[in-house]
Amino acid sequence: MFTRPDTGSTPISYPVPTASAAKGLFEAVLRRPHIYVQPTFIEIYKPVRFERYITNYRGPLRKGKDIRQGNSYQLIATILVDVFYRIHGRIRMKQMSTRGKGEEQIRRRRGRDWRPRFKELFEDRLERGQTYYTPCLGWKEFAPNYFGPTRDRDDKGQRVRPVRTGEIHIPAMLISMWDHRHYQPSFRERWIVDGLMSYEHERPAEDMPDAE
């Protein structure tokens, strides 16, 4: 469930994880204060399928009358079912000084580029199934049944490849909730083209030359 903010009290999911959700999946495996993984693009390996989902909410956001009487609030949502994603990302070092912008001018922590070591540790933890917290697909109750290294074949031994979804238009994809620690949601137009979506560009073809 990757909630579209414009759907209010009956939430509907985006067809793919938002950039922040994808970043959270990477950080479940490994995170360091000076390094992060920036999601670049995502591949969809099963057809996008939605279903209605109803849960009885008993939290503090119910009306006062319902809380006093012990009544539940029935929350209706439109969720994704049976998803299969492959998420790609780029390891980035945080800019830790004002010496200028750009990859060449960032200050290396202790004079060293830690990205190769971070990648090594990340892949080792992913292979071992070690995480700091349980990865989830949006809402906490939606834990994946597989979360690990990329696979060429599915559980049935069939070779996997992005599904031919045609073109899916997302007029307002949530990109970020914050701007330099200030609450400032930002949205961008995105297109899913034959099972591929870029987190960095409007359409995936321009930054994925080996999409096949």
N, C-alpha and C. Protein backbone atom coordinates (compact mmCIF):
# COMPACT_ATOMS: atom_id res chain seq x y z
N MET A 1 0.85 -1.18 0.00
CA MET A 1 0.00 0.00 0.00
C MET A 1 0.88 1.23 0.00
N PHE A 2 1.02 1.87 -1.14
CA PHE A 2 1.82 3.08 -1.28
C PHE A 2 0.85 4.22 -1.57
N THR A 3 0.36 4.82 -0.51
CA THR A 3 -0.83 5.67 -0.56
C THR A 3 -0.67 6.90 -1.42
N ARG A 4 -1.64 7.13 -2.28
CA ARG A 4 -1.74 8.39 -3.00
C ARG A 4 -2.33 9.43 -2.05
N PRO A 5 -1.63 10.54 -1.80
CA PRO A 5 -2.12 11.52 -0.83
C PRO A 5 -3.45 12.16 -1.20
N ASP A 6 -3.82 12.11 -2.47
CA ASP A 6 -5.06 12.76 -2.89
C ASP A 6 -6.30 11.91 -2.68
N THR A 7 -6.16 10.71 -2.09
CA THR A 7 -7.31 9.80 -1.98
C THR A 7 -7.98 9.82 -0.61
N GLY A 8 -7.51 10.62 0.30
CA GLY A 8 -8.23 10.89 1.55
C GLY A 8 -8.45 9.69 2.45
N SER A 9 -9.68 9.60 3.00
CA SER A 9 -9.98 8.59 4.01
C SER A 9 -10.26 7.21 3.42
N THR A 10 -10.32 7.10 2.11
CA THR A 10 -10.43 5.79 1.46
C THR A 10 -9.22 5.63 0.54
N PRO A 11 -8.05 5.38 1.13
CA PRO A 11 -6.80 5.47 0.38
C PRO A 11 -6.69 4.46 -0.76
N ILE A 12 -6.01 4.90 -1.80
CA ILE A 12 -5.72 4.08 -2.96
C ILE A 12 -4.21 4.07 -3.16
N SER A 13 -3.67 2.93 -3.52
CA SER A 13 -2.23 2.81 -3.67
C SER A 13 -1.76 3.24 -5.05
N TYR A 14 -0.56 3.81 -5.10
CA TYR A 14 0.15 3.94 -6.37
C TYR A 14 0.45 2.52 -6.88
N PRO A 15 0.69 2.35 -8.17
CA PRO A 15 1.03 1.02 -8.66
C PRO A 15 2.43 0.55 -8.31
N VAL A 16 3.28 1.47 -7.86
CA VAL A 16 4.66 1.15 -7.48
C VAL A 16 5.01 1.89 -6.20
N PRO A 17 6.06 1.47 -5.49
CA PRO A 17 6.47 2.21 -4.29
C PRO A 17 6.90 3.63 -4.63
N THR A 18 6.65 4.54 -3.72
CA THR A 18 7.19 5.89 -3.85
C THR A 18 8.70 5.84 -3.63
N ALA A 19 9.38 6.91 -3.97
CA ALA A 19 10.83 6.96 -3.78
C ALA A 19 11.21 6.80 -2.31
N SER A 20 10.43 7.42 -1.41
CA SER A 20 10.75 7.31 0.02
C SER A 20 10.52 5.90 0.53
N ALA A 21 9.49 5.21 0.01
CA ALA A 21 9.26 3.82 0.40
C ALA A 21 10.39 2.92 -0.08
N ALA A 22 10.84 3.16 -1.32
CA ALA A 22 11.96 2.39 -1.85
C ALA A 22 13.23 2.64 -1.05
N LYS A 23 13.47 3.90 -0.68
CA LYS A 23 14.64 4.24 0.13
C LYS A 23 14.56 3.56 1.49
N GLY A 24 13.34 3.49 2.05
CA GLY A 24 13.17 2.81 3.33
C GLY A 24 13.47 1.33 3.25
N LEU A 25 13.17 0.69 2.11
CA LEU A 25 13.50 -0.71 1.93
C LEU A 25 15.02 -0.91 1.91
N PHE A 26 15.73 -0.01 1.22
CA PHE A 26 17.19 -0.10 1.23
C PHE A 26 17.75 0.10 2.63
N GLU A 27 17.19 1.06 3.36
CA GLU A 27 17.71 1.37 4.69
C GLU A 27 17.39 0.28 5.71
N ALA A 28 16.40 -0.56 5.41
CA ALA A 28 16.14 -1.69 6.29
C ALA A 28 17.33 -2.64 6.32
N VAL A 29 18.09 -2.67 5.24
CA VAL A 29 19.25 -3.57 5.15
C VAL A 29 20.47 -2.93 5.78
N LEU A 30 20.78 -1.70 5.35
CA LEU A 30 21.99 -1.05 5.84
C LEU A 30 21.84 0.46 5.70
N ARG A 31 22.26 1.17 6.71
CA ARG A 31 22.28 2.63 6.64
C ARG A 31 23.45 3.16 7.45
N ARG A 32 24.01 4.23 6.99
CA ARG A 32 25.12 4.90 7.65
C ARG A 32 24.84 6.40 7.61
N PRO A 33 25.34 7.16 8.59
CA PRO A 33 25.01 8.59 8.63
C PRO A 33 25.55 9.38 7.45
N HIS A 34 26.60 8.90 6.79
CA HIS A 34 27.23 9.66 5.72
C HIS A 34 26.97 9.07 4.34
N ILE A 35 26.22 7.97 4.26
CA ILE A 35 25.95 7.31 2.98
C ILE A 35 24.48 6.93 2.91
N TYR A 36 23.89 7.01 1.74
CA TYR A 36 22.52 6.57 1.55
C TYR A 36 22.37 5.99 0.15
N VAL A 37 21.28 5.25 -0.06
CA VAL A 37 20.98 4.68 -1.37
C VAL A 37 19.84 5.48 -2.00
N GLN A 38 20.09 6.03 -3.16
CA GLN A 38 19.09 6.80 -3.88
C GLN A 38 18.42 5.89 -4.91
N PRO A 39 17.11 5.64 -4.79
CA PRO A 39 16.42 4.81 -5.80
C PRO A 39 16.51 5.47 -7.18
N THR A 40 16.79 4.66 -8.18
CA THR A 40 16.92 5.19 -9.55
C THR A 40 15.78 4.72 -10.45
N PHE A 41 15.48 3.43 -10.45
CA PHE A 41 14.34 2.97 -11.22
C PHE A 41 13.85 1.64 -10.68
N ILE A 42 12.67 1.24 -11.11
CA ILE A 42 12.03 0.03 -10.61
C ILE A 42 11.47 -0.77 -11.79
N GLU A 43 11.56 -2.09 -11.68
CA GLU A 43 11.01 -2.99 -12.68
C GLU A 43 9.83 -3.74 -12.06
N ILE A 44 8.77 -3.89 -12.81
CA ILE A 44 7.56 -4.60 -12.35
C ILE A 44 7.54 -5.95 -13.03
N TYR A 45 7.50 -7.02 -12.24
CA TYR A 45 7.60 -8.37 -12.79
C TYR A 45 6.30 -9.15 -12.75
N LYS A 46 5.26 -8.55 -12.22
CA LYS A 46 3.93 -9.16 -12.26
C LYS A 46 2.92 -8.09 -12.62
N PRO A 47 1.83 -8.46 -13.29
CA PRO A 47 0.82 -7.46 -13.66
C PRO A 47 0.31 -6.71 -12.43
N VAL A 48 0.08 -5.42 -12.60
CA VAL A 48 -0.45 -4.59 -11.51
C VAL A 48 -1.90 -4.98 -11.26
N ARG A 49 -2.19 -5.37 -10.02
CA ARG A 49 -3.55 -5.82 -9.68
C ARG A 49 -3.98 -5.19 -8.37
N PHE A 50 -5.16 -4.59 -8.36
CA PHE A 50 -5.71 -3.94 -7.17
C PHE A 50 -6.87 -4.76 -6.62
N GLU A 51 -7.05 -4.69 -5.30
CA GLU A 51 -8.21 -5.31 -4.64
C GLU A 51 -8.67 -4.41 -3.51
N ARG A 52 -9.92 -4.60 -3.14
CA ARG A 52 -10.49 -3.84 -2.01
C ARG A 52 -10.04 -4.49 -0.70
N TYR A 53 -9.71 -3.64 0.26
CA TYR A 53 -9.18 -4.11 1.54
C TYR A 53 -9.91 -3.36 2.66
N ILE A 54 -10.47 -4.11 3.60
CA ILE A 54 -11.23 -3.51 4.70
C ILE A 54 -10.62 -3.95 6.01
N THR A 55 -10.35 -3.00 6.86
CA THR A 55 -9.81 -3.32 8.18
C THR A 55 -10.57 -2.52 9.24
N ASN A 56 -10.68 -3.06 10.43
CA ASN A 56 -11.35 -2.38 11.54
C ASN A 56 -10.32 -1.60 12.35
N TYR A 57 -10.39 -0.30 12.22
CA TYR A 57 -9.44 0.58 12.90
C TYR A 57 -9.93 0.89 14.31
N ARG A 58 -9.03 0.72 15.31
CA ARG A 58 -9.40 0.99 16.70
C ARG A 58 -8.39 1.95 17.35
N GLY A 59 -7.78 2.79 16.55
CA GLY A 59 -6.77 3.71 17.05
C GLY A 59 -7.35 5.01 17.58
N PRO A 60 -6.48 5.96 17.95
CA PRO A 60 -6.90 7.20 18.60
C PRO A 60 -7.53 8.22 17.66
N LEU A 61 -7.53 8.00 16.36
CA LEU A 61 -8.08 8.96 15.42
C LEU A 61 -9.58 8.77 15.18
N ARG A 62 -10.19 7.83 15.90
CA ARG A 62 -11.65 7.67 15.79
C ARG A 62 -12.37 8.84 16.46
N LYS A 63 -13.64 8.99 16.14
CA LYS A 63 -14.46 10.00 16.81
C LYS A 63 -14.55 9.68 18.30
N GLY A 64 -14.70 10.74 19.10
CA GLY A 64 -14.77 10.55 20.55
C GLY A 64 -15.89 9.61 20.97
N LYS A 65 -17.04 9.70 20.30
CA LYS A 65 -18.16 8.83 20.62
C LYS A 65 -17.80 7.38 20.38
N ASP A 66 -17.12 7.09 19.27
CA ASP A 66 -16.75 5.72 18.97
C ASP A 66 -15.74 5.18 19.97
N ILE A 67 -14.83 6.06 20.41
CA ILE A 67 -13.85 5.62 21.40
C ILE A 67 -14.53 5.28 22.72
N ARG A 68 -15.46 6.14 23.14
CA ARG A 68 -16.15 5.89 24.41
C ARG A 68 -16.98 4.62 24.37
N GLN A 69 -17.60 4.35 23.23
CA GLN A 69 -18.46 3.18 23.10
C GLN A 69 -17.71 1.92 22.66
N GLY A 70 -16.42 2.07 22.40
CA GLY A 70 -15.62 0.92 22.01
C GLY A 70 -15.89 0.45 20.59
N ASN A 71 -16.37 1.36 19.74
CA ASN A 71 -16.67 0.99 18.36
C ASN A 71 -15.43 1.11 17.46
N SER A 72 -15.38 0.26 16.46
CA SER A 72 -14.29 0.32 15.48
C SER A 72 -14.70 1.24 14.33
N TYR A 73 -13.69 1.73 13.64
CA TYR A 73 -13.93 2.48 12.41
C TYR A 73 -13.51 1.60 11.24
N GLN A 74 -14.42 1.39 10.32
CA GLN A 74 -14.12 0.52 9.19
C GLN A 74 -13.38 1.32 8.11
N LEU A 75 -12.12 0.96 7.89
CA LEU A 75 -11.29 1.65 6.93
C LEU A 75 -11.27 0.85 5.62
N ILE A 76 -11.68 1.48 4.55
CA ILE A 76 -11.72 0.84 3.23
C ILE A 76 -10.58 1.39 2.38
N ALA A 77 -9.80 0.51 1.80
CA ALA A 77 -8.65 0.92 0.99
C ALA A 77 -8.59 0.08 -0.28
N THR A 78 -7.91 0.62 -1.27
CA THR A 78 -7.64 -0.11 -2.50
C THR A 78 -6.15 -0.39 -2.55
N ILE A 79 -5.79 -1.67 -2.40
CA ILE A 79 -4.40 -2.05 -2.24
C ILE A 79 -3.90 -2.85 -3.44
N LEU A 80 -2.60 -3.01 -3.51
CA LEU A 80 -1.98 -3.87 -4.51
C LEU A 80 -1.94 -5.31 -4.00
N VAL A 81 -2.03 -6.25 -4.91
CA VAL A 81 -2.01 -7.67 -4.55
C VAL A 81 -0.97 -8.40 -5.39
N ASP A 82 -0.20 -9.28 -4.74
CA ASP A 82 0.74 -10.17 -5.42
C ASP A 82 1.75 -9.39 -6.25
N VAL A 83 2.50 -8.52 -5.59
CA VAL A 83 3.46 -7.67 -6.32
C VAL A 83 4.82 -8.37 -6.42
N PHE A 84 5.58 -7.99 -7.42
CA PHE A 84 6.93 -8.51 -7.63
C PHE A 84 7.74 -7.39 -8.27
N TYR A 85 8.63 -6.77 -7.47
CA TYR A 85 9.42 -5.64 -7.93
C TYR A 85 10.91 -5.96 -7.88
N ARG A 86 11.66 -5.31 -8.75
CA ARG A 86 13.11 -5.25 -8.63
C ARG A 86 13.47 -3.77 -8.60
N ILE A 87 14.07 -3.33 -7.49
CA ILE A 87 14.37 -1.92 -7.30
C ILE A 87 15.86 -1.68 -7.44
N HIS A 88 16.22 -0.69 -8.25
CA HIS A 88 17.61 -0.34 -8.47
C HIS A 88 17.93 0.98 -7.76
N GLY A 89 19.15 1.11 -7.31
CA GLY A 89 19.54 2.33 -6.61
C GLY A 89 21.00 2.65 -6.82
N ARG A 90 21.36 3.85 -6.43
CA ARG A 90 22.74 4.35 -6.56
C ARG A 90 23.22 4.75 -5.17
N ILE A 91 24.40 4.29 -4.80
CA ILE A 91 24.97 4.63 -3.51
C ILE A 91 25.57 6.04 -3.58
N ARG A 92 25.14 6.88 -2.67
CA ARG A 92 25.60 8.27 -2.67
C ARG A 92 26.20 8.61 -1.31
N MET A 93 27.24 9.43 -1.33
CA MET A 93 27.78 9.98 -0.09
C MET A 93 27.17 11.35 0.13
N LYS A 94 26.83 11.65 1.36
CA LYS A 94 26.23 12.94 1.67
C LYS A 94 27.29 14.03 1.58
N GLN A 95 26.86 15.18 1.09
CA GLN A 95 27.75 16.32 1.04
C GLN A 95 27.88 16.88 2.44
N MET A 96 29.09 16.89 2.98
CA MET A 96 29.30 17.20 4.39
C MET A 96 30.01 18.53 4.60
N SER A 97 30.11 19.36 3.56
CA SER A 97 30.76 20.65 3.72
C SER A 97 30.17 21.61 2.70
N THR A 98 30.67 22.85 2.71
CA THR A 98 30.20 23.85 1.75
C THR A 98 31.27 24.11 0.70
N ARG A 99 32.07 23.13 0.42
CA ARG A 99 33.17 23.31 -0.53
C ARG A 99 32.70 23.24 -1.98
N GLY A 100 31.44 23.22 -2.20
CA GLY A 100 30.94 23.17 -3.57
C GLY A 100 30.09 21.94 -3.77
N LYS A 101 29.37 21.94 -4.86
CA LYS A 101 28.49 20.84 -5.17
C LYS A 101 29.15 19.93 -6.20
N GLY A 102 28.70 18.72 -6.22
CA GLY A 102 29.23 17.80 -7.21
C GLY A 102 29.97 16.65 -6.58
N GLU A 103 30.04 15.55 -7.32
CA GLU A 103 30.63 14.33 -6.81
C GLU A 103 32.10 14.50 -6.44
N GLU A 104 32.86 15.33 -7.18
CA GLU A 104 34.29 15.46 -6.95
C GLU A 104 34.62 16.31 -5.74
N GLN A 105 33.66 17.12 -5.28
CA GLN A 105 33.97 18.10 -4.25
C GLN A 105 33.40 17.74 -2.88
N ILE A 106 32.76 16.58 -2.76
CA ILE A 106 32.26 16.20 -1.44
C ILE A 106 33.43 15.80 -0.55
N ARG A 107 33.29 16.05 0.71
CA ARG A 107 34.35 15.71 1.65
C ARG A 107 34.27 14.23 1.99
N ARG A 108 35.31 13.50 1.78
CA ARG A 108 35.33 12.08 2.09
C ARG A 108 35.46 11.88 3.59
N ARG A 109 34.67 11.01 4.13
CA ARG A 109 34.76 10.73 5.56
C ARG A 109 36.11 10.06 5.84
N ARG A 110 36.91 10.67 6.70
CA ARG A 110 38.25 10.20 7.03
C ARG A 110 39.10 10.02 5.76
N GLY A 111 38.83 10.85 4.79
CA GLY A 111 39.65 10.83 3.58
C GLY A 111 39.43 9.64 2.68
N ARG A 112 38.32 8.95 2.81
CA ARG A 112 38.11 7.71 2.05
C ARG A 112 36.73 7.69 1.43
N ASP A 113 36.65 7.09 0.25
CA ASP A 113 35.36 6.85 -0.40
C ASP A 113 34.83 5.51 0.09
N TRP A 114 33.78 5.54 0.91
CA TRP A 114 33.27 4.34 1.56
C TRP A 114 32.21 3.61 0.73
N ARG A 115 31.90 4.10 -0.45
CA ARG A 115 30.82 3.47 -1.22
C ARG A 115 31.10 2.01 -1.60
N PRO A 116 32.31 1.64 -2.05
CA PRO A 116 32.55 0.22 -2.34
C PRO A 116 32.37 -0.67 -1.11
N ARG A 117 32.83 -0.20 0.05
CA ARG A 117 32.68 -0.99 1.28
C ARG A 117 31.21 -1.08 1.68
N PHE A 118 30.48 0.01 1.51
CA PHE A 118 29.05 0.01 1.82
C PHE A 118 28.33 -1.01 0.93
N LYS A 119 28.64 -1.04 -0.35
CA LYS A 119 28.02 -1.98 -1.28
C LYS A 119 28.33 -3.42 -0.87
N GLU A 120 29.56 -3.67 -0.47
CA GLU A 120 29.95 -5.01 -0.03
C GLU A 120 29.16 -5.44 1.21
N LEU A 121 29.07 -4.56 2.20
CA LEU A 121 28.32 -4.87 3.42
C LEU A 121 26.83 -5.03 3.11
N PHE A 122 26.30 -4.17 2.25
CA PHE A 122 24.89 -4.23 1.90
C PHE A 122 24.56 -5.58 1.27
N GLU A 123 25.34 -6.00 0.30
CA GLU A 123 25.06 -7.26 -0.39
C GLU A 123 25.21 -8.45 0.55
N ASP A 124 26.17 -8.38 1.48
CA ASP A 124 26.36 -9.47 2.44
C ASP A 124 25.16 -9.57 3.37
N ARG A 125 24.68 -8.44 3.89
CA ARG A 125 23.52 -8.47 4.78
C ARG A 125 22.27 -8.92 4.04
N LEU A 126 22.13 -8.48 2.80
CA LEU A 126 20.96 -8.88 2.02
C LEU A 126 20.96 -10.39 1.78
N GLU A 127 22.13 -10.93 1.47
CA GLU A 127 22.25 -12.37 1.24
C GLU A 127 21.93 -13.17 2.50
N ARG A 128 22.34 -12.66 3.64
CA ARG A 128 22.10 -13.34 4.92
C ARG A 128 20.69 -13.12 5.46
N GLY A 129 19.96 -12.17 4.89
CA GLY A 129 18.63 -11.86 5.39
C GLY A 129 18.64 -11.03 6.65
N GLN A 130 19.71 -10.26 6.88
CA GLN A 130 19.83 -9.43 8.07
C GLN A 130 19.26 -8.04 7.79
N THR A 131 18.36 -7.60 8.66
CA THR A 131 17.78 -6.26 8.51
C THR A 131 17.68 -5.61 9.88
N TYR A 132 17.65 -4.27 9.88
CA TYR A 132 17.50 -3.52 11.12
C TYR A 132 16.04 -3.54 11.59
N TYR A 133 15.12 -3.63 10.65
CA TYR A 133 13.71 -3.74 10.97
C TYR A 133 13.04 -4.51 9.84
N THR A 134 11.84 -4.98 10.09
CA THR A 134 11.15 -5.77 9.08
C THR A 134 10.75 -4.90 7.90
N PRO A 135 11.22 -5.20 6.70
CA PRO A 135 10.80 -4.41 5.54
C PRO A 135 9.30 -4.53 5.33
N CYS A 136 8.68 -3.47 4.85
CA CYS A 136 7.25 -3.53 4.60
C CYS A 136 6.94 -2.84 3.28
N LEU A 137 5.84 -3.26 2.68
CA LEU A 137 5.40 -2.69 1.42
C LEU A 137 4.37 -1.61 1.72
N GLY A 138 4.85 -0.50 2.23
CA GLY A 138 3.97 0.60 2.60
C GLY A 138 3.50 0.47 4.03
N TRP A 139 2.31 -0.09 4.22
CA TRP A 139 1.80 -0.31 5.58
C TRP A 139 2.55 -1.45 6.24
N LYS A 140 2.68 -1.37 7.57
CA LYS A 140 3.48 -2.34 8.31
C LYS A 140 2.96 -3.77 8.19
N GLU A 141 1.64 -3.93 8.01
CA GLU A 141 1.12 -5.30 7.94
C GLU A 141 1.42 -6.00 6.63
N PHE A 142 1.94 -5.26 5.65
CA PHE A 142 2.24 -5.85 4.34
C PHE A 142 3.73 -6.14 4.24
N ALA A 143 4.15 -7.24 4.83
CA ALA A 143 5.56 -7.66 4.76
C ALA A 143 5.75 -8.55 3.54
N PRO A 144 6.85 -8.38 2.81
CA PRO A 144 7.08 -9.21 1.62
C PRO A 144 7.40 -10.65 1.99
N ASN A 145 7.00 -11.59 1.13
CA ASN A 145 7.37 -12.99 1.39
C ASN A 145 8.74 -13.32 0.84
N TYR A 146 9.30 -12.43 0.01
CA TYR A 146 10.70 -12.54 -0.40
C TYR A 146 11.30 -11.14 -0.45
N PHE A 147 12.44 -10.99 0.19
CA PHE A 147 13.16 -9.72 0.18
C PHE A 147 14.63 -10.06 0.20
N GLY A 148 15.28 -9.98 -0.95
CA GLY A 148 16.67 -10.41 -1.00
C GLY A 148 17.31 -10.08 -2.32
N PRO A 149 18.44 -10.75 -2.62
CA PRO A 149 19.15 -10.50 -3.88
C PRO A 149 18.24 -10.73 -5.08
N THR A 150 18.55 -10.05 -6.16
CA THR A 150 17.74 -10.19 -7.37
C THR A 150 17.80 -11.62 -7.90
N ARG A 151 16.69 -12.07 -8.44
CA ARG A 151 16.58 -13.44 -8.94
C ARG A 151 16.25 -13.43 -10.43
N ASP A 152 16.78 -14.40 -11.14
CA ASP A 152 16.46 -14.55 -12.56
C ASP A 152 15.23 -15.41 -12.78
N ARG A 153 14.84 -16.17 -11.73
CA ARG A 153 13.67 -17.05 -11.85
C ARG A 153 12.78 -16.90 -10.63
N ASP A 154 11.49 -17.13 -10.80
CA ASP A 154 10.55 -17.00 -9.70
C ASP A 154 10.46 -18.30 -8.91
N ASP A 155 9.50 -18.37 -7.97
CA ASP A 155 9.35 -19.55 -7.12
C ASP A 155 9.02 -20.81 -7.91
N LYS A 156 8.44 -20.65 -9.10
CA LYS A 156 8.08 -21.81 -9.92
C LYS A 156 9.17 -22.17 -10.94
N GLY A 157 10.30 -21.47 -10.85
CA GLY A 157 11.39 -21.76 -11.76
C GLY A 157 11.29 -21.09 -13.11
N GLN A 158 10.30 -20.21 -13.28
CA GLN A 158 10.12 -19.52 -14.54
C GLN A 158 11.02 -18.29 -14.61
N ARG A 159 11.60 -18.06 -15.77
CA ARG A 159 12.44 -16.89 -15.96
C ARG A 159 11.61 -15.62 -15.83
N VAL A 160 12.12 -14.65 -15.07
CA VAL A 160 11.35 -13.43 -14.83
C VAL A 160 11.87 -12.30 -15.71
N ARG A 161 10.96 -11.46 -16.12
CA ARG A 161 11.29 -10.27 -16.88
C ARG A 161 10.17 -9.26 -16.69
N PRO A 162 10.44 -7.97 -16.87
CA PRO A 162 9.37 -6.98 -16.67
C PRO A 162 8.15 -7.28 -17.53
N VAL A 163 6.97 -7.11 -16.94
CA VAL A 163 5.73 -7.37 -17.66
C VAL A 163 5.47 -6.25 -18.65
N ARG A 164 4.78 -6.57 -19.72
CA ARG A 164 4.44 -5.56 -20.72
C ARG A 164 3.15 -4.87 -20.30
N THR A 165 3.32 -3.81 -19.51
CA THR A 165 2.16 -3.10 -18.96
C THR A 165 1.59 -2.07 -19.92
N GLY A 166 2.27 -1.85 -21.05
CA GLY A 166 1.89 -0.71 -21.87
C GLY A 166 2.36 0.56 -21.17
N GLU A 167 1.58 1.61 -21.26
CA GLU A 167 1.95 2.87 -20.60
C GLU A 167 0.92 3.20 -19.52
N ILE A 168 1.41 3.43 -18.32
CA ILE A 168 0.57 3.82 -17.19
C ILE A 168 0.98 5.23 -16.77
N HIS A 169 0.05 6.14 -16.82
CA HIS A 169 0.33 7.54 -16.50
C HIS A 169 0.05 7.80 -15.03
N ILE A 170 1.02 8.37 -14.32
CA ILE A 170 0.84 8.80 -12.93
C ILE A 170 0.99 10.32 -12.92
N PRO A 171 -0.10 11.06 -12.90
CA PRO A 171 -0.02 12.52 -13.05
C PRO A 171 0.65 13.23 -11.88
N ALA A 172 0.63 12.63 -10.69
CA ALA A 172 1.22 13.29 -9.52
C ALA A 172 1.83 12.24 -8.60
N MET A 173 3.07 11.87 -8.88
CA MET A 173 3.79 10.91 -8.06
C MET A 173 4.48 11.64 -6.93
N LEU A 174 4.27 11.19 -5.69
CA LEU A 174 4.92 11.81 -4.54
C LEU A 174 6.42 11.52 -4.59
N ILE A 175 7.22 12.56 -4.67
CA ILE A 175 8.67 12.41 -4.77
C ILE A 175 9.33 12.52 -3.41
N SER A 176 8.94 13.53 -2.65
CA SER A 176 9.56 13.74 -1.34
C SER A 176 8.60 14.48 -0.43
N MET A 177 8.71 14.23 0.87
CA MET A 177 7.91 14.93 1.86
C MET A 177 8.66 16.10 2.49
N TRP A 178 9.99 16.16 2.30
CA TRP A 178 10.78 17.15 3.02
C TRP A 178 11.74 17.86 2.08
N ASP A 179 12.03 19.10 2.42
CA ASP A 179 13.02 19.88 1.70
C ASP A 179 13.94 20.53 2.73
N HIS A 180 15.15 19.95 2.89
CA HIS A 180 16.10 20.45 3.88
C HIS A 180 15.44 20.57 5.26
N ARG A 181 14.84 19.46 5.69
CA ARG A 181 14.23 19.31 7.02
C ARG A 181 12.95 20.10 7.20
N HIS A 182 12.45 20.70 6.16
CA HIS A 182 11.19 21.42 6.23
C HIS A 182 10.11 20.61 5.50
N TYR A 183 8.92 20.55 6.08
CA TYR A 183 7.83 19.81 5.48
C TYR A 183 7.40 20.50 4.19
N GLN A 184 7.70 19.86 3.07
CA GLN A 184 7.40 20.46 1.77
C GLN A 184 7.19 19.34 0.75
N PRO A 185 5.97 18.76 0.71
CA PRO A 185 5.72 17.68 -0.25
C PRO A 185 5.93 18.15 -1.68
N SER A 186 6.54 17.30 -2.48
CA SER A 186 6.74 17.62 -3.89
C SER A 186 6.25 16.46 -4.75
N PHE A 187 5.66 16.80 -5.89
CA PHE A 187 5.08 15.81 -6.79
C PHE A 187 5.63 16.02 -8.19
N ARG A 188 5.74 14.93 -8.95
CA ARG A 188 6.18 15.00 -10.33
C ARG A 188 5.34 14.04 -11.17
N GLU A 189 5.26 14.34 -12.45
CA GLU A 189 4.59 13.45 -13.38
C GLU A 189 5.51 12.28 -13.70
N ARG A 190 4.94 11.07 -13.75
CA ARG A 190 5.72 9.88 -14.06
C ARG A 190 4.94 8.97 -15.01
N TRP A 191 5.70 8.21 -15.80
CA TRP A 191 5.12 7.21 -16.69
C TRP A 191 5.76 5.86 -16.42
N ILE A 192 4.92 4.83 -16.33
CA ILE A 192 5.41 3.46 -16.32
C ILE A 192 5.31 2.96 -17.75
N VAL A 193 6.43 2.54 -18.31
CA VAL A 193 6.46 2.09 -19.70
C VAL A 193 6.91 0.64 -19.74
N ASP A 194 5.98 -0.25 -20.08
CA ASP A 194 6.27 -1.68 -20.18
C ASP A 194 7.00 -2.21 -18.95
N GLY A 195 6.44 -1.91 -17.79
CA GLY A 195 6.95 -2.47 -16.54
C GLY A 195 8.15 -1.75 -15.95
N LEU A 196 8.52 -0.60 -16.47
CA LEU A 196 9.67 0.14 -15.97
C LEU A 196 9.27 1.55 -15.59
N MET A 197 9.76 2.02 -14.44
CA MET A 197 9.52 3.40 -14.05
C MET A 197 10.79 4.00 -13.45
N SER A 198 11.13 5.19 -13.89
CA SER A 198 12.29 5.90 -13.36
C SER A 198 11.87 6.79 -12.20
N TYR A 199 12.70 6.80 -11.14
CA TYR A 199 12.48 7.74 -10.04
C TYR A 199 13.11 9.09 -10.32
N GLU A 200 13.95 9.17 -11.36
CA GLU A 200 14.70 10.39 -11.62
C GLU A 200 14.17 11.17 -12.82
N HIS A 201 13.50 10.49 -13.74
CA HIS A 201 13.03 11.14 -14.95
C HIS A 201 11.56 10.79 -15.20
N GLU A 202 10.93 11.61 -15.98
CA GLU A 202 9.50 11.42 -16.25
C GLU A 202 9.23 10.10 -16.95
N ARG A 203 10.06 9.74 -17.90
CA ARG A 203 9.92 8.48 -18.61
C ARG A 203 11.21 7.68 -18.44
N PRO A 204 11.14 6.35 -18.40
CA PRO A 204 12.32 5.55 -18.07
C PRO A 204 13.33 5.39 -19.18
N ALA A 205 12.96 5.54 -20.43
CA ALA A 205 13.86 5.17 -21.53
C ALA A 205 15.15 5.96 -21.53
N GLU A 206 15.11 7.22 -21.11
CA GLU A 206 16.29 8.06 -21.25
C GLU A 206 17.42 7.71 -20.29
N ASP A 207 17.13 7.05 -19.17
CA ASP A 207 18.20 6.74 -18.23
C ASP A 207 18.41 5.24 -18.06
N MET A 208 17.79 4.44 -18.91
CA MET A 208 17.93 3.00 -18.80
C MET A 208 18.19 2.40 -20.18
N PRO A 209 19.40 2.56 -20.70
CA PRO A 209 19.69 2.08 -22.04
C PRO A 209 19.61 0.57 -22.19
N ASP A 210 19.82 -0.15 -21.08
CA ASP A 210 19.78 -1.61 -21.13
C ASP A 210 18.48 -2.14 -20.53
N ALA A 211 17.38 -1.44 -20.76
CA ALA A 211 16.09 -1.82 -20.17
C ALA A 211 15.65 -3.21 -20.59
N GLU A 212 16.07 -3.67 -21.77
CA GLU A 212 15.68 -5.01 -22.21
C GLU A 212 16.35 -6.08 -21.37
